Amino acid sequence: MRGSDYDGGGWHVHRNEAVRVPKRRSPNNEVMPHLILLGDSIFDNARYTAGGPAVIRQVSALVPSGWRASLLAVDGSIAKHVSSQVAR
């Protein structure tokens, strides 16, 4: 995906293929940008930060106003688990 192709829509991994998903909109028809962290402890790292901020906390503080960030990554996951994270 080239940067110029981004229009607020999303991508979904299905059967090892990236599939375009339509933009999500709020009840008043506004685009709802959403950053989702998938993977392993590189993102699900709260237990390893020794009291420091976890990645999701840092990312949530940095996303633009009106965006939200969600942690679906699970410590200990491997590549084949990502599709089940997307399904959550």
N, C-alpha and C. Protein backbone atom coordinates (compact mmCIF):
# COMPACT_ATOMS: atom_id res chain seq x y z
N MET A 1 0.85 -1.18 0.00
CA MET A 1 0.00 0.00 0.00
C MET A 1 0.89 1.23 0.00
N ARG A 2 0.69 2.13 -0.92
CA ARG A 2 1.41 3.39 -0.98
C ARG A 2 0.69 4.39 -0.09
N GLY A 3 1.46 5.32 0.49
CA GLY A 3 0.87 6.31 1.36
C GLY A 3 -0.27 7.08 0.71
N SER A 4 -0.17 7.33 -0.59
CA SER A 4 -1.21 8.09 -1.27
C SER A 4 -2.51 7.30 -1.41
N ASP A 5 -2.46 5.98 -1.20
CA ASP A 5 -3.65 5.15 -1.30
C ASP A 5 -4.49 5.15 -0.03
N TYR A 6 -3.97 5.68 1.06
CA TYR A 6 -4.67 5.60 2.34
C TYR A 6 -5.82 6.59 2.38
N ASP A 7 -7.00 6.11 2.65
CA ASP A 7 -8.17 6.98 2.71
C ASP A 7 -8.95 6.78 4.01
N GLY A 8 -8.31 6.20 5.01
CA GLY A 8 -8.99 5.96 6.28
C GLY A 8 -9.59 4.59 6.38
N GLY A 9 -9.56 3.83 5.29
CA GLY A 9 -10.04 2.45 5.32
C GLY A 9 -9.04 1.58 6.05
N GLY A 10 -9.27 0.31 6.12
CA GLY A 10 -8.38 -0.57 6.84
C GLY A 10 -8.03 -1.79 6.04
N TRP A 11 -7.22 -2.63 6.62
CA TRP A 11 -6.81 -3.88 6.00
C TRP A 11 -7.11 -5.01 6.96
N HIS A 12 -7.45 -6.15 6.44
CA HIS A 12 -7.78 -7.32 7.24
C HIS A 12 -7.04 -8.51 6.64
N VAL A 13 -6.42 -9.32 7.48
CA VAL A 13 -5.73 -10.50 6.98
C VAL A 13 -6.70 -11.67 7.02
N HIS A 14 -6.92 -12.27 5.87
CA HIS A 14 -7.86 -13.39 5.76
C HIS A 14 -7.22 -14.44 4.86
N ARG A 15 -7.01 -15.63 5.40
CA ARG A 15 -6.38 -16.71 4.64
C ARG A 15 -5.07 -16.27 4.00
N ASN A 16 -4.24 -15.58 4.81
CA ASN A 16 -2.92 -15.12 4.39
C ASN A 16 -2.96 -14.09 3.26
N GLU A 17 -4.08 -13.42 3.08
CA GLU A 17 -4.19 -12.37 2.07
C GLU A 17 -4.69 -11.10 2.76
N ALA A 18 -4.13 -9.97 2.35
CA ALA A 18 -4.62 -8.70 2.87
C ALA A 18 -5.85 -8.30 2.07
N VAL A 19 -6.92 -8.03 2.77
CA VAL A 19 -8.19 -7.69 2.14
C VAL A 19 -8.60 -6.30 2.61
N ARG A 20 -8.99 -5.44 1.70
CA ARG A 20 -9.40 -4.08 2.05
C ARG A 20 -10.73 -4.11 2.78
N VAL A 21 -10.82 -3.36 3.85
CA VAL A 21 -12.04 -3.25 4.64
C VAL A 21 -12.54 -1.81 4.52
N PRO A 22 -13.81 -1.59 4.32
CA PRO A 22 -14.33 -0.22 4.19
C PRO A 22 -14.04 0.61 5.44
N LYS A 23 -14.04 1.92 5.25
CA LYS A 23 -13.86 2.83 6.37
C LYS A 23 -14.93 2.58 7.42
N ARG A 24 -14.54 2.68 8.67
CA ARG A 24 -15.54 2.64 9.74
C ARG A 24 -15.99 4.05 10.00
N ARG A 25 -17.25 4.20 10.26
CA ARG A 25 -17.78 5.54 10.52
C ARG A 25 -18.59 5.53 11.82
N SER A 26 -18.58 6.68 12.46
CA SER A 26 -19.35 6.84 13.68
C SER A 26 -20.82 6.99 13.32
N PRO A 27 -21.71 6.98 14.33
CA PRO A 27 -23.15 7.14 14.04
C PRO A 27 -23.46 8.43 13.28
N ASN A 28 -22.64 9.47 13.45
CA ASN A 28 -22.90 10.72 12.71
C ASN A 28 -22.08 10.78 11.42
N ASN A 29 -21.63 9.61 10.92
CA ASN A 29 -20.98 9.42 9.62
C ASN A 29 -19.58 10.02 9.53
N GLU A 30 -18.88 10.16 10.65
CA GLU A 30 -17.50 10.62 10.64
C GLU A 30 -16.57 9.42 10.57
N VAL A 31 -15.43 9.58 9.88
CA VAL A 31 -14.43 8.52 9.82
C VAL A 31 -13.86 8.32 11.22
N MET A 32 -13.67 7.05 11.61
CA MET A 32 -13.16 6.73 12.95
C MET A 32 -11.80 6.05 12.79
N PRO A 33 -10.70 6.83 12.69
CA PRO A 33 -9.38 6.22 12.56
C PRO A 33 -9.03 5.36 13.77
N HIS A 34 -8.46 4.20 13.50
CA HIS A 34 -8.19 3.24 14.56
C HIS A 34 -6.88 2.51 14.26
N LEU A 35 -5.93 2.60 15.16
CA LEU A 35 -4.65 1.90 15.03
C LEU A 35 -4.71 0.67 15.91
N ILE A 36 -4.50 -0.51 15.31
CA ILE A 36 -4.58 -1.77 16.05
C ILE A 36 -3.21 -2.43 16.06
N LEU A 37 -2.72 -2.75 17.24
CA LEU A 37 -1.43 -3.41 17.38
C LEU A 37 -1.63 -4.92 17.43
N LEU A 38 -1.07 -5.63 16.46
CA LEU A 38 -1.13 -7.08 16.38
C LEU A 38 0.28 -7.63 16.53
N GLY A 39 0.40 -8.83 17.07
CA GLY A 39 1.73 -9.45 17.16
C GLY A 39 1.96 -10.11 18.50
N ASP A 40 3.16 -9.90 19.03
CA ASP A 40 3.55 -10.56 20.27
C ASP A 40 4.00 -9.53 21.32
N SER A 41 4.96 -9.91 22.15
CA SER A 41 5.38 -9.04 23.25
C SER A 41 6.10 -7.78 22.80
N ILE A 42 6.40 -7.66 21.51
CA ILE A 42 6.96 -6.39 21.05
C ILE A 42 5.94 -5.28 21.28
N PHE A 43 4.65 -5.61 21.24
CA PHE A 43 3.58 -4.66 21.54
C PHE A 43 2.92 -4.96 22.88
N ASP A 44 2.67 -6.21 23.20
CA ASP A 44 2.04 -6.60 24.47
C ASP A 44 3.14 -6.74 25.51
N ASN A 45 3.72 -5.61 25.90
CA ASN A 45 4.94 -5.64 26.70
C ASN A 45 4.81 -5.09 28.12
N ALA A 46 3.60 -4.88 28.60
CA ALA A 46 3.42 -4.27 29.93
C ALA A 46 4.16 -5.04 31.03
N ARG A 47 4.20 -6.34 30.94
CA ARG A 47 4.85 -7.12 32.01
C ARG A 47 6.36 -7.01 31.99
N TYR A 48 6.92 -6.43 30.93
CA TYR A 48 8.37 -6.32 30.80
C TYR A 48 8.90 -4.90 30.99
N THR A 49 8.06 -3.95 31.29
CA THR A 49 8.50 -2.55 31.33
C THR A 49 8.96 -2.07 32.70
N ALA A 50 8.90 -2.92 33.69
CA ALA A 50 9.36 -2.57 35.05
C ALA A 50 8.79 -1.23 35.52
N GLY A 51 7.49 -1.05 35.30
CA GLY A 51 6.83 0.17 35.77
C GLY A 51 6.81 1.29 34.74
N GLY A 52 7.57 1.15 33.67
CA GLY A 52 7.54 2.15 32.60
C GLY A 52 6.30 1.97 31.76
N PRO A 53 6.03 2.91 30.89
CA PRO A 53 4.82 2.81 30.07
C PRO A 53 4.93 1.72 29.01
N ALA A 54 3.87 0.94 28.87
CA ALA A 54 3.79 -0.08 27.83
C ALA A 54 3.64 0.60 26.47
N VAL A 55 3.91 -0.14 25.42
CA VAL A 55 3.81 0.41 24.06
C VAL A 55 2.41 0.98 23.80
N ILE A 56 1.35 0.27 24.17
CA ILE A 56 0.00 0.75 23.89
C ILE A 56 -0.26 2.09 24.57
N ARG A 57 0.26 2.27 25.75
CA ARG A 57 0.08 3.55 26.46
C ARG A 57 0.82 4.67 25.73
N GLN A 58 2.03 4.37 25.26
CA GLN A 58 2.80 5.37 24.53
C GLN A 58 2.13 5.72 23.20
N VAL A 59 1.70 4.69 22.48
CA VAL A 59 1.04 4.92 21.19
C VAL A 59 -0.25 5.70 21.38
N SER A 60 -1.03 5.33 22.37
CA SER A 60 -2.30 6.03 22.63
C SER A 60 -2.08 7.51 22.89
N ALA A 61 -0.96 7.83 23.53
CA ALA A 61 -0.65 9.23 23.82
C ALA A 61 -0.18 9.99 22.57
N LEU A 62 0.26 9.27 21.54
CA LEU A 62 0.82 9.90 20.35
C LEU A 62 -0.12 9.99 19.16
N VAL A 63 -1.19 9.19 19.14
CA VAL A 63 -2.09 9.24 17.99
C VAL A 63 -2.82 10.57 17.96
N PRO A 64 -3.16 11.04 16.77
CA PRO A 64 -3.85 12.33 16.65
C PRO A 64 -5.21 12.32 17.35
N SER A 65 -5.68 13.50 17.66
CA SER A 65 -7.00 13.65 18.26
C SER A 65 -8.04 13.02 17.35
N GLY A 66 -8.96 12.27 17.94
CA GLY A 66 -10.01 11.59 17.18
C GLY A 66 -9.64 10.17 16.80
N TRP A 67 -8.39 9.78 17.01
CA TRP A 67 -7.95 8.42 16.73
C TRP A 67 -8.06 7.61 18.01
N ARG A 68 -8.08 6.30 17.85
CA ARG A 68 -7.95 5.42 19.01
C ARG A 68 -6.97 4.32 18.68
N ALA A 69 -6.38 3.77 19.71
CA ALA A 69 -5.42 2.68 19.55
C ALA A 69 -5.89 1.51 20.40
N SER A 70 -5.76 0.30 19.86
CA SER A 70 -6.15 -0.91 20.58
C SER A 70 -5.02 -1.92 20.55
N LEU A 71 -4.87 -2.62 21.64
CA LEU A 71 -3.87 -3.68 21.75
C LEU A 71 -4.56 -5.03 21.59
N LEU A 72 -4.32 -5.69 20.48
CA LEU A 72 -4.82 -7.05 20.27
C LEU A 72 -3.66 -8.05 20.27
N ALA A 73 -2.44 -7.55 20.27
CA ALA A 73 -1.26 -8.41 20.33
C ALA A 73 -1.28 -9.20 21.63
N VAL A 74 -0.71 -10.40 21.60
CA VAL A 74 -0.68 -11.26 22.79
C VAL A 74 0.75 -11.77 22.97
N ASP A 75 1.30 -11.53 24.15
CA ASP A 75 2.63 -12.01 24.48
C ASP A 75 2.70 -13.51 24.21
N GLY A 76 3.75 -13.95 23.53
CA GLY A 76 3.93 -15.37 23.24
C GLY A 76 3.36 -15.81 21.90
N SER A 77 2.67 -14.92 21.21
CA SER A 77 2.10 -15.28 19.92
C SER A 77 3.19 -15.47 18.88
N ILE A 78 2.83 -16.20 17.82
CA ILE A 78 3.69 -16.34 16.65
C ILE A 78 2.88 -15.92 15.43
N ALA A 79 3.53 -15.85 14.28
CA ALA A 79 2.90 -15.30 13.08
C ALA A 79 1.53 -15.93 12.78
N LYS A 80 1.39 -17.22 12.95
CA LYS A 80 0.11 -17.86 12.61
C LYS A 80 -1.02 -17.46 13.55
N HIS A 81 -0.72 -16.82 14.67
CA HIS A 81 -1.76 -16.39 15.61
C HIS A 81 -2.36 -15.03 15.25
N VAL A 82 -1.72 -14.29 14.36
CA VAL A 82 -2.18 -12.93 14.06
C VAL A 82 -3.61 -12.94 13.52
N SER A 83 -3.97 -13.89 12.68
CA SER A 83 -5.33 -13.90 12.14
C SER A 83 -6.37 -14.05 13.25
N SER A 84 -6.06 -14.80 14.29
CA SER A 84 -7.01 -14.93 15.40
C SER A 84 -7.08 -13.63 16.21
N GLN A 85 -6.00 -12.86 16.23
CA GLN A 85 -6.02 -11.57 16.90
C GLN A 85 -6.91 -10.61 16.14
N VAL A 86 -6.85 -10.64 14.82
CA VAL A 86 -7.68 -9.78 13.98
C VAL A 86 -9.15 -10.11 14.22
N ALA A 87 -9.47 -11.38 14.39
CA ALA A 87 -10.85 -11.80 14.59
C ALA A 87 -11.43 -11.28 15.91
N ARG A 88 -10.59 -10.95 16.86
CA ARG A 88 -11.07 -10.43 18.14
C ARG A 88 -11.58 -9.04 17.93
